PDB file of N, CA and C in Angstrom:
ATOM      1  N   UNK A   1      47.679  49.501  52.315  1.00  0.00           N
ATOM      2  CA  UNK A   1      46.799  50.289  53.003  1.00  0.00           C
ATOM      3  C   UNK A   1      45.635  50.666  52.409  1.00  0.00           C
ATOM      4  N   UNK A   2      44.355  50.208  52.768  1.00  0.00           N
ATOM      5  CA  UNK A   2      43.344  50.564  52.040  1.00  0.00           C
ATOM      6  C   UNK A   2      42.637  51.461  52.562  1.00  0.00           C
ATOM      7  N   UNK A   3      41.618  52.158  52.353  1.00  0.00           N
ATOM      8  CA  UNK A   3      40.923  53.265  52.779  1.00  0.00           C
ATOM      9  C   UNK A   3      40.179  52.547  53.984  1.00  0.00           C
ATOM     10  N   UNK A   4      39.596  51.328  54.004  1.00  0.00           N
ATOM     11  CA  UNK A   4      39.288  51.213  55.317  1.00  0.00           C
ATOM     12  C   UNK A   4      39.956  51.283  56.591  1.00  0.00           C
ATOM     13  N   UNK A   5      41.274  50.864  56.308  1.00  0.00           N
ATOM     14  CA  UNK A   5      42.251  51.208  57.409  1.00  0.00           C
ATOM     15  C   UNK A   5      42.362  52.430  57.986  1.00  0.00           C
ATOM     16  N   UNK A   6      42.374  53.238  56.740  1.00  0.00           N
ATOM     17  CA  UNK A   6      42.794  54.342  57.198  1.00  0.00           C
ATOM     18  C   UNK A   6      41.774  55.154  58.128  1.00  0.00           C
ATOM     19  N   UNK A   7      40.493  54.666  57.408  1.00  0.00           N
ATOM     20  CA  UNK A   7      39.133  55.262  58.352  1.00  0.00           C
ATOM     21  C   UNK A   7      39.263  54.782  59.791  1.00  0.00           C
ATOM     22  N   UNK A   8      39.591  53.503  59.761  1.00  0.00           N
ATOM     23  CA  UNK A   8      39.520  52.863  61.026  1.00  0.00           C
ATOM     24  C   UNK A   8      40.555  53.812  61.894  1.00  0.00           C
ATOM     25  N   UNK A   9      41.673  53.914  61.502  1.00  0.00           N
ATOM     26  CA  UNK A   9      42.968  54.624  62.257  1.00  0.00           C
ATOM     27  C   UNK A   9      42.271  55.602  62.866  1.00  0.00           C
ATOM     28  N   UNK A  10      41.559  56.665  61.693  1.00  0.00           N
ATOM     29  CA  UNK A  10      41.262  58.012  61.895  1.00  0.00           C
ATOM     30  C   UNK A  10      39.917  57.955  63.147  1.00  0.00           C
ATOM     31  N   UNK A  11      38.976  56.965  62.886  1.00  0.00           N
ATOM     32  CA  UNK A  11      37.982  56.904  63.793  1.00  0.00           C
ATOM     33  C   UNK A  11      38.572  56.557  65.351  1.00  0.00           C
ATOM     34  N   UNK A  12      39.341  55.752  65.430  1.00  0.00           N
ATOM     35  CA  UNK A  12      39.910  55.334  66.654  1.00  0.00           C
ATOM     36  C   UNK A  12      40.988  56.539  66.963  1.00  0.00           C
ATOM     37  N   UNK A  13      41.405  57.068  66.595  1.00  0.00           N
ATOM     38  CA  UNK A  13      42.182  58.293  67.044  1.00  0.00           C
ATOM     39  C   UNK A  13      41.299  59.580  67.423  1.00  0.00           C
ATOM     40  N   UNK A  14      40.172  59.769  66.709  1.00  0.00           N
ATOM     41  CA  UNK A  14      39.031  60.759  66.957  1.00  0.00           C
ATOM     42  C   UNK A  14      38.239  60.340  68.452  1.00  0.00           C
ATOM     43  N   UNK A  15      38.562  58.721  68.697  1.00  0.00           N
ATOM     44  CA  UNK A  15      37.508  58.299  69.993  1.00  0.00           C
ATOM     45  C   UNK A  15      38.503  58.480  71.249  1.00  0.00           C
ATOM     46  N   UNK A  16      39.661  58.433  70.919  1.00  0.00           N
ATOM     47  CA  UNK A  16      40.494  58.291  72.216  1.00  0.00           C
ATOM     48  C   UNK A  16      40.975  59.925  72.568  1.00  0.00           C
ATOM     49  N   UNK A  17      40.894  60.634  71.027  1.00  0.00           N
ATOM     50  CA  UNK A  17      40.597  62.348  71.757  1.00  0.00           C
ATOM     51  C   UNK A  17      39.536  62.593  72.338  1.00  0.00           C
ATOM     52  N   UNK A  18      38.423  62.232  72.313  1.00  0.00           N
ATOM     53  CA  UNK A  18      37.272  62.365  72.877  1.00  0.00           C
ATOM     54  C   UNK A  18      37.281  61.883  74.062  1.00  0.00           C
ATOM     55  N   UNK A  19      37.706  60.670  74.378  1.00  0.00           N
ATOM     56  CA  UNK A  19      37.574  60.091  75.595  1.00  0.00           C
ATOM     57  C   UNK A  19      38.338  60.457  76.636  1.00  0.00           C
ATOM     58  N   UNK A  20      39.881  61.243  76.161  1.00  0.00           N
ATOM     59  CA  UNK A  20      40.720  61.897  77.058  1.00  0.00           C
ATOM     60  C   UNK A  20      40.251  63.509  77.355  1.00  0.00           C
ATOM     61  N   UNK A  21      39.692  64.316  76.596  1.00  0.00           N
ATOM     62  CA  UNK A  21      39.286  65.519  76.267  1.00  0.00           C
ATOM     63  C   UNK A  21      37.978  65.648  77.076  1.00  0.00           C
ATOM     64  N   UNK A  22      36.949  64.902  77.144  1.00  0.00           N
ATOM     65  CA  UNK A  22      35.717  64.855  77.702  1.00  0.00           C
ATOM     66  C   UNK A  22      35.721  65.261  79.095  1.00  0.00           C
ATOM     67  N   UNK A  23      36.361  64.517  79.846  1.00  0.00           N
ATOM     68  CA  UNK A  23      36.351  64.686  81.328  1.00  0.00           C
ATOM     69  C   UNK A  23      36.936  66.216  81.705  1.00  0.00           C
ATOM     70  N   UNK A  24      37.969  67.001  81.194  1.00  0.00           N
ATOM     71  CA  UNK A  24      38.381  67.972  81.296  1.00  0.00           C
ATOM     72  C   UNK A  24      37.443  68.965  81.345  1.00  0.00           C
ATOM     73  N   UNK A  25      36.926  68.845  79.940  1.00  0.00           N
ATOM     74  CA  UNK A  25      35.766  69.924  79.260  1.00  0.00           C
ATOM     75  C   UNK A  25      34.635  69.717  80.081  1.00  0.00           C
ATOM     76  N   UNK A  26      34.160  68.803  80.876  1.00  0.00           N
ATOM     77  CA  UNK A  26      33.081  68.550  81.811  1.00  0.00           C
ATOM     78  C   UNK A  26      33.495  69.342  82.937  1.00  0.00           C
ATOM     79  N   UNK A  27      34.662  69.022  83.459  1.00  0.00           N
ATOM     80  CA  UNK A  27      34.867  70.072  84.585  1.00  0.00           C
ATOM     81  C   UNK A  27      34.890  71.426  84.391  1.00  0.00           C
ATOM     82  N   UNK A  28      35.351  71.769  83.292  1.00  0.00           N
ATOM     83  CA  UNK A  28      35.178  73.321  82.904  1.00  0.00           C
ATOM     84  C   UNK A  28      33.974  73.870  82.707  1.00  0.00           C
ATOM     85  N   UNK A  29      32.884  73.204  82.209  1.00  0.00           N
ATOM     86  CA  UNK A  29      31.519  73.429  81.827  1.00  0.00           C
ATOM     87  C   UNK A  29      30.857  73.312  83.257  1.00  0.00           C
ATOM     88  N   UNK A  30      31.087  72.222  84.280  1.00  0.00           N
ATOM     89  CA  UNK A  30      30.272  72.396  85.588  1.00  0.00           C
ATOM     90  C   UNK A  30      30.417  73.719  86.454  1.00  0.00           C
ATOM     91  N   UNK A  31      32.339  73.917  86.265  1.00  0.00           N
ATOM     92  CA  UNK A  31      32.254  74.889  87.320  1.00  0.00           C
ATOM     93  C   UNK A  31      31.965  76.401  86.907  1.00  0.00           C
ATOM     94  N   UNK A  32      31.830  76.358  85.488  1.00  0.00           N
ATOM     95  CA  UNK A  32      31.615  77.685  84.736  1.00  0.00           C
ATOM     96  C   UNK A  32      30.507  78.093  84.883  1.00  0.00           C
ATOM     97  N   UNK A  33      29.447  76.877  84.906  1.00  0.00           N
ATOM     98  CA  UNK A  33      27.943  76.813  85.184  1.00  0.00           C
ATOM     99  C   UNK A  33      27.904  77.566  86.483  1.00  0.00           C
ATOM    100  N   UNK A  34      28.408  76.966  87.543  1.00  0.00           N
ATOM    101  CA  UNK A  34      28.306  76.977  89.010  1.00  0.00           C
ATOM    102  C   UNK A  34      28.571  78.607  89.174  1.00  0.00           C
ATOM    103  N   UNK A  35      29.563  78.860  88.615  1.00  0.00           N
ATOM    104  CA  UNK A  35      30.218  80.337  89.047  1.00  0.00           C
ATOM    105  C   UNK A  35      29.222  81.055  88.378  1.00  0.00           C
ATOM    106  N   UNK A  36      28.655  80.931  87.112  1.00  0.00           N
ATOM    107  CA  UNK A  36      27.407  81.803  86.686  1.00  0.00           C
ATOM    108  C   UNK A  36      26.495  81.884  87.627  1.00  0.00           C
ATOM    109  N   UNK A  37      25.836  80.772  88.226  1.00  0.00           N
ATOM    110  CA  UNK A  37      24.852  80.917  88.879  1.00  0.00           C
ATOM    111  C   UNK A  37      25.127  81.729  90.179  1.00  0.00           C
ATOM    112  N   UNK A  38      26.210  81.737  90.799  1.00  0.00           N
ATOM    113  CA  UNK A  38      26.737  82.406  91.907  1.00  0.00           C
ATOM    114  C   UNK A  38      26.480  83.881  91.578  1.00  0.00           C
ATOM    115  N   UNK A  39      27.419  84.245  90.136  1.00  0.00           N
ATOM    116  CA  UNK A  39      27.442  85.724  89.789  1.00  0.00           C
ATOM    117  C   UNK A  39      25.816  86.071  89.761  1.00  0.00           C
ATOM    118  N   UNK A  40      24.691  85.092  89.131  1.00  0.00           N
ATOM    119  CA  UNK A  40      23.682  85.706  88.963  1.00  0.00           C
ATOM    120  C   UNK A  40      22.569  86.024  90.212  1.00  0.00           C
ATOM    121  N   UNK A  41      22.982  84.931  91.390  1.00  0.00           N
ATOM    122  CA  UNK A  41      22.294  85.390  92.559  1.00  0.00           C
ATOM    123  C   UNK A  41      22.634  86.603  93.228  1.00  0.00           C
ATOM    124  N   UNK A  42      24.083  86.662  93.173  1.00  0.00           N
ATOM    125  CA  UNK A  42      24.803  88.030  93.835  1.00  0.00           C
ATOM    126  C   UNK A  42      25.000  89.019  93.159  1.00  0.00           C
ATOM    127  N   UNK A  43      24.416  88.818  91.579  1.00  0.00           N
ATOM    128  CA  UNK A  43      24.551  90.115  91.015  1.00  0.00           C
ATOM    129  C   UNK A  43      25.916  90.812  90.773  1.00  0.00           C
ATOM    130  N   UNK A  44      26.860  89.683  91.032  1.00  0.00           N
ATOM    131  CA  UNK A  44      28.246  90.242  90.882  1.00  0.00           C
ATOM    132  C   UNK A  44      28.803  89.904  89.426  1.00  0.00           C
ATOM    133  N   UNK A  45      28.803  90.969  88.478  1.00  0.00           N
ATOM    134  CA  UNK A  45      29.273  90.519  86.913  1.00  0.00           C
ATOM    135  C   UNK A  45      30.451  91.039  86.632  1.00  0.00           C
ATOM    136  N   UNK A  46      31.400  90.586  87.224  1.00  0.00           N
ATOM    137  CA  UNK A  46      32.804  90.703  86.982  1.00  0.00           C
ATOM    138  C   UNK A  46      33.224  89.610  86.077  1.00  0.00           C
ATOM    139  N   UNK A  47      33.673  89.812  84.619  1.00  0.00           N
ATOM    140  CA  UNK A  47      33.751  88.985  83.545  1.00  0.00           C
ATOM    141  C   UNK A  47      35.169  88.100  84.098  1.00  0.00           C
ATOM    142  N   UNK A  48      36.174  88.844  84.781  1.00  0.00           N
ATOM    143  CA  UNK A  48      37.207  88.149  85.129  1.00  0.00           C
ATOM    144  C   UNK A  48      36.995  86.706  86.277  1.00  0.00           C
ATOM    145  N   UNK A  49      36.160  87.140  86.820  1.00  0.00           N
ATOM    146  CA  UNK A  49      35.548  86.381  87.723  1.00  0.00           C
ATOM    147  C   UNK A  49      35.740  84.502  87.641  1.00  0.00           C
ATOM    148  N   UNK A  50      35.062  84.423  86.259  1.00  0.00           N
ATOM    149  CA  UNK A  50      34.865  83.023  86.137  1.00  0.00           C
ATOM    150  C   UNK A  50      36.041  82.176  85.737  1.00  0.00           C
ATOM    151  N   UNK A  51      37.078  82.991  85.188  1.00  0.00           N
ATOM    152  CA  UNK A  51      38.425  82.493  84.577  1.00  0.00           C
ATOM    153  C   UNK A  51      39.031  81.625  85.796  1.00  0.00           C
ATOM    154  N   UNK A  52      39.231  82.359  86.768  1.00  0.00           N
ATOM    155  CA  UNK A  52      40.225  81.732  88.022  1.00  0.00           C
ATOM    156  C   UNK A  52      39.579  80.333  88.552  1.00  0.00           C
ATOM    157  N   UNK A  53      38.611  80.280  88.926  1.00  0.00           N
ATOM    158  CA  UNK A  53      37.950  79.002  89.425  1.00  0.00           C
ATOM    159  C   UNK A  53      37.887  77.898  88.336  1.00  0.00           C
ATOM    160  N   UNK A  54      37.844  78.474  87.130  1.00  0.00           N
ATOM    161  CA  UNK A  54      37.423  77.411  85.760  1.00  0.00           C
ATOM    162  C   UNK A  54      39.079  76.885  85.791  1.00  0.00           C
ATOM    163  N   UNK A  55      40.049  77.971  85.931  1.00  0.00           N
ATOM    164  CA  UNK A  55      41.648  77.463  85.608  1.00  0.00           C
ATOM    165  C   UNK A  55      42.092  76.562  86.452  1.00  0.00           C
ATOM    166  N   UNK A  56      41.669  76.803  87.778  1.00  0.00           N
ATOM    167  CA  UNK A  56      42.055  76.276  88.973  1.00  0.00           C
ATOM    168  C   UNK A  56      41.184  75.032  88.765  1.00  0.00           C
ATOM    169  N   UNK A  57      40.133  74.641  88.365  1.00  0.00           N
ATOM    170  CA  UNK A  57      39.488  73.264  88.604  1.00  0.00           C
ATOM    171  C   UNK A  57      40.202  72.480  87.204  1.00  0.00           C
ATOM    172  N   UNK A  58      39.846  72.935  86.245  1.00  0.00           N
ATOM    173  CA  UNK A  58      40.626  72.210  85.298  1.00  0.00           C
ATOM    174  C   UNK A  58      42.421  71.933  85.538  1.00  0.00           C
ATOM    175  N   UNK A  59      43.093  72.801  86.129  1.00  0.00           N
ATOM    176  CA  UNK A  59      44.276  71.855  86.805  1.00  0.00           C
ATOM    177  C   UNK A  59      44.120  70.976  87.913  1.00  0.00           C
ATOM    178  N   UNK A  60      43.397  71.089  88.508  1.00  0.00           N
ATOM    179  CA  UNK A  60      43.091  69.879  89.830  1.00  0.00           C
ATOM    180  C   UNK A  60      42.792  68.695  89.004  1.00  0.00           C
ATOM    181  N   UNK A  61      41.574  68.947  88.148  1.00  0.00           N
ATOM    182  CA  UNK A  61      41.040  67.692  87.290  1.00  0.00           C
ATOM    183  C   UNK A  61      42.488  67.368  86.425  1.00  0.00           C
ATOM    184  N   UNK A  62      43.230  67.714  85.948  1.00  0.00           N
ATOM    185  CA  UNK A  62      44.071  67.301  85.105  1.00  0.00           C
ATOM    186  C   UNK A  62      45.564  66.575  86.090  1.00  0.00           C
ATOM    187  N   UNK A  63      45.402  67.183  87.245  1.00  0.00           N
ATOM    188  CA  UNK A  63      46.486  66.393  87.864  1.00  0.00           C
ATOM    189  C   UNK A  63      45.799  65.128  88.622  1.00  0.00           C
ATOM    190  N   UNK A  64      44.669  65.049  88.662  1.00  0.00           N
ATOM    191  CA  UNK A  64      43.920  63.846  89.232  1.00  0.00           C
ATOM    192  C   UNK A  64      43.379  62.849  88.334  1.00  0.00           C
ATOM    193  N   UNK A  65      43.475  63.205  86.719  1.00  0.00           N
ATOM    194  CA  UNK A  65      42.927  62.223  85.973  1.00  0.00           C
ATOM    195  C   UNK A  65      44.304  62.077  84.950  1.00  0.00           C
ATOM    196  N   UNK A  66      45.520  62.588  85.076  1.00  0.00           N
ATOM    197  CA  UNK A  66      46.929  62.429  84.227  1.00  0.00           C
ATOM    198  C   UNK A  66      47.145  60.925  84.029  1.00  0.00           C
ATOM    199  N   UNK A  67      46.948  60.689  84.930  1.00  0.00           N
ATOM    200  CA  UNK A  67      47.383  59.005  85.049  1.00  0.00           C
ATOM    201  C   UNK A  67      46.553  58.229  83.898  1.00  0.00           C
ATOM    202  N   UNK A  68      45.320  58.288  84.190  1.00  0.00           N
ATOM    203  CA  UNK A  68      44.353  57.848  83.333  1.00  0.00           C
ATOM    204  C   UNK A  68      44.483  58.241  81.691  1.00  0.00           C
ATOM    205  N   UNK A  69      44.479  59.486  81.691  1.00  0.00           N
ATOM    206  CA  UNK A  69      44.644  60.019  80.482  1.00  0.00           C
ATOM    207  C   UNK A  69      45.899  59.360  79.821  1.00  0.00           C
ATOM    208  N   UNK A  70      47.013  59.457  80.400  1.00  0.00           N
ATOM    209  CA  UNK A  70      48.507  58.888  79.746  1.00  0.00           C
ATOM    210  C   UNK A  70      48.326  57.474  79.615  1.00  0.00           C
ATOM    211  N   UNK A  71      47.419  56.457  80.259  1.00  0.00           N
ATOM    212  CA  UNK A  71      47.418  55.267  79.958  1.00  0.00           C
ATOM    213  C   UNK A  71      46.644  55.180  78.907  1.00  0.00           C
ATOM    214  N   UNK A  72      45.353  55.961  78.517  1.00  0.00           N
ATOM    215  CA  UNK A  72      44.861  55.835  77.275  1.00  0.00           C
ATOM    216  C   UNK A  72      45.437  55.894  75.877  1.00  0.00           C
ATOM    217  N   UNK A  73      46.493  56.950  76.207  1.00  0.00           N
ATOM    218  CA  UNK A  73      47.371  57.751  75.077  1.00  0.00           C
ATOM    219  C   UNK A  73      48.459  56.602  74.816  1.00  0.00           C
ATOM    220  N   UNK A  74      49.216  56.263  75.847  1.00  0.00           N
ATOM    221  CA  UNK A  74      50.093  55.372  75.424  1.00  0.00           C
ATOM    222  C   UNK A  74      49.496  53.842  75.306  1.00  0.00           C
ATOM    223  N   UNK A  75      48.562  53.285  75.352  1.00  0.00           N
ATOM    224  CA  UNK A  75      47.513  52.172  75.066  1.00  0.00           C
ATOM    225  C   UNK A  75      47.729  52.285  73.446  1.00  0.00           C
ATOM    226  N   UNK A  76      46.464  53.695  72.986  1.00  0.00           N
ATOM    227  CA  UNK A  76      46.688  54.106  71.454  1.00  0.00           C
ATOM    228  C   UNK A  76      48.106  53.822  70.809  1.00  0.00           C
ATOM    229  N   UNK A  77      48.848  54.705  71.452  1.00  0.00           N
ATOM    230  CA  UNK A  77      49.926  54.597  70.835  1.00  0.00           C
ATOM    231  C   UNK A  77      50.923  53.342  70.491  1.00  0.00           C
ATOM    232  N   UNK A  78      50.714  52.399  71.627  1.00  0.00           N
ATOM    233  CA  UNK A  78      51.585  51.187  71.601  1.00  0.00           C
ATOM    234  C   UNK A  78      50.648  50.439  70.396  1.00  0.00           C
ATOM    235  N   UNK A  79      49.622  50.237  70.333  1.00  0.00           N
ATOM    236  CA  UNK A  79      48.787  49.447  69.384  1.00  0.00           C
ATOM    237  C   UNK A  79      49.113  49.818  68.341  1.00  0.00           C
ATOM    238  N   UNK A  80      49.105  51.201  67.765  1.00  0.00           N
ATOM    239  CA  UNK A  80      49.294  51.962  66.656  1.00  0.00           C
ATOM    240  C   UNK A  80      50.768  51.339  65.966  1.00  0.00           C
ATOM    241  N   UNK A  81      51.609  51.739  66.954  1.00  0.00           N
ATOM    242  CA  UNK A  81      53.268  51.180  66.627  1.00  0.00           C
ATOM    243  C   UNK A  81      53.032  49.534  66.120  1.00  0.00           C
ATOM    244  N   UNK A  82      52.567  49.004  67.030  1.00  0.00           N
ATOM    245  CA  UNK A  82      52.699  47.228  66.816  1.00  0.00           C
ATOM    246  C   UNK A  82      51.708  46.978  65.724  1.00  0.00           C
ATOM    247  N   UNK A  83      51.000  47.866  65.270  1.00  0.00           N
ATOM    248  CA  UNK A  83      50.262  47.509  63.886  1.00  0.00           C
ATOM    249  C   UNK A  83      50.770  48.098  62.532  1.00  0.00           C
ATOM    250  N   UNK A  84      51.786  48.644  62.634  1.00  0.00           N
ATOM    251  CA  UNK A  84      52.576  49.241  61.726  1.00  0.00           C
ATOM    252  C   UNK A  84      53.187  48.209  60.609  1.00  0.00           C
ATOM    253  N   UNK A  85      53.279  46.839  61.191  1.00  0.00           N
ATOM    254  CA  UNK A  85      53.643  45.889  59.954  1.00  0.00           C
ATOM    255  C   UNK A  85      52.387  45.584  59.138  1.00  0.00           C
ATOM    256  N   UNK A  86      51.208  45.526  59.879  1.00  0.00           N
ATOM    257  CA  UNK A  86      49.879  45.073  59.103  1.00  0.00           C
ATOM    258  C   UNK A  86      49.563  46.414  58.362  1.00  0.00           C
ATOM    259  N   UNK A  87      49.776  47.604  58.225  1.00  0.00           N
ATOM    260  CA  UNK A  87      49.613  48.460  57.439  1.00  0.00           C
ATOM    261  C   UNK A  87      50.219  48.935  56.521  1.00  0.00           C
ATOM    262  N   UNK A  88      51.659  48.273  56.046  1.00  0.00           N
ATOM    263  CA  UNK A  88      52.414  48.631  54.905  1.00  0.00           C
ATOM    264  C   UNK A  88      52.208  47.557  53.866  1.00  0.00           C
ATOM    265  N   UNK A  89      51.594  46.335  53.891  1.00  0.00           N
ATOM    266  CA  UNK A  89      51.395  45.572  52.866  1.00  0.00           C
ATOM    267  C   UNK A  89      50.386  45.899  52.152  1.00  0.00           C
TER     268      UNK A  89
END
C-alpha cells in the first residue's frame, strides 16, 4: 500500500462523512436561524427554546434520510472491503 492509496482512502472517507452529515447539519442550521428570528421578533429570549425545535427537526430529518444515509455508508464500506486485496500487495 503506497501513500497515494492511503490518501485516496482518507479522501473518500472524508467525502462520505461530509455527504452524510451535511443534510442533518443543514436542517439544524435552518431551524436554529428560524427560531432565532422568531425570538428576535417576539423578544422572547429563552435560551432553552432553541433546543427543542432543533432536536425534533434533526430527529425527523434522520428518520427521513436514514435509508439514504445507510445506502451511502454501506456502499462505501462494501467497496472498501472488496478492495482489500488491492491494498495488501
